[in-house]
Amino acid sequence: MSSLANKISVPIFSGQNYDYWAIKMKTYFQSQKLWELVEEGVTLPEDSSTSSSAEKGKLENKKAKDSDALYYIQTAVADHIFPRISVATSAKEAWSILQKEYQGSANVRIIKLQTLRRDFENMKMKDYETIDEYYTKVRELVNQLKAYGEDIPEKRVVEKLLISVTEKYDPIVTTIEETKDITTLTVTELVGSLEAYEKRRSRREENSLENAFQFKLNMRSQNSNRKEKF
């Protein structure tokens, strides 16, 4: 067992956000070089009597690692979920039980993936949203798609943001499309440009409101002075 495993606490699954939990656990298992065991399990020979001592040693080592992985899964679920995997004797079995119950069968996952794809295609920025708020929603949907096996290229996310922001961003979108290579533009660069434009626009609107307010005050003051003269 790696010393790193003693320093990192596994994320606890309480029944919500299974997809995110599964991604974190997969990363954890990969860091401990246990993911292959969780995904594929331990293959036992049909007849171990002919196995060499070296082969038997490797098998015992795999079994021990599989027990480590199973323990991590048992530790990573809340008490009310543990009974579902309490009968599992291998990490693969426990992982499969949770995956089937909380992520669904292959058909259910396909339907969910289709729904997520449709949501991604139809997603548009609301007038009241900021770039940060909207991008957070897009990123969360992209992460869900990835959890269901759909890898969304960064270029596609860039294109999605450019065509789905509200009309008030048209000037900066046009500038970006005319001056940047969209095929190499990163999401970070795009969001940074949109946020910078958003801040400049917000400052101009604030200045306009302040000027209008000051103008009204001046007009009231002038009218008041005129009335006093008469």
Foldseek 3Di string as FASTA:
>chain_A
DDPVVVVDQQAAAEQPPVLVSVVSLCVVCVVVVNNCCQAPNQDDDPDCPPPDPVVVVVSVVNLVSQVVLLVSLLRRYDPVCNVQCVPPPGNNVSVVSCCCVRVHDPVSLVVVLVVLVVCLVPDADDPPDALVRSVVVNVVSQSVNVSSPHHDDQLNVLVSVLPRYDPVCVVVSVVCVVPHDSVPDGPVNSSVSRNVVVVVVVVVVVVVVVVVVVVVVVVVVVVVVVVVVD
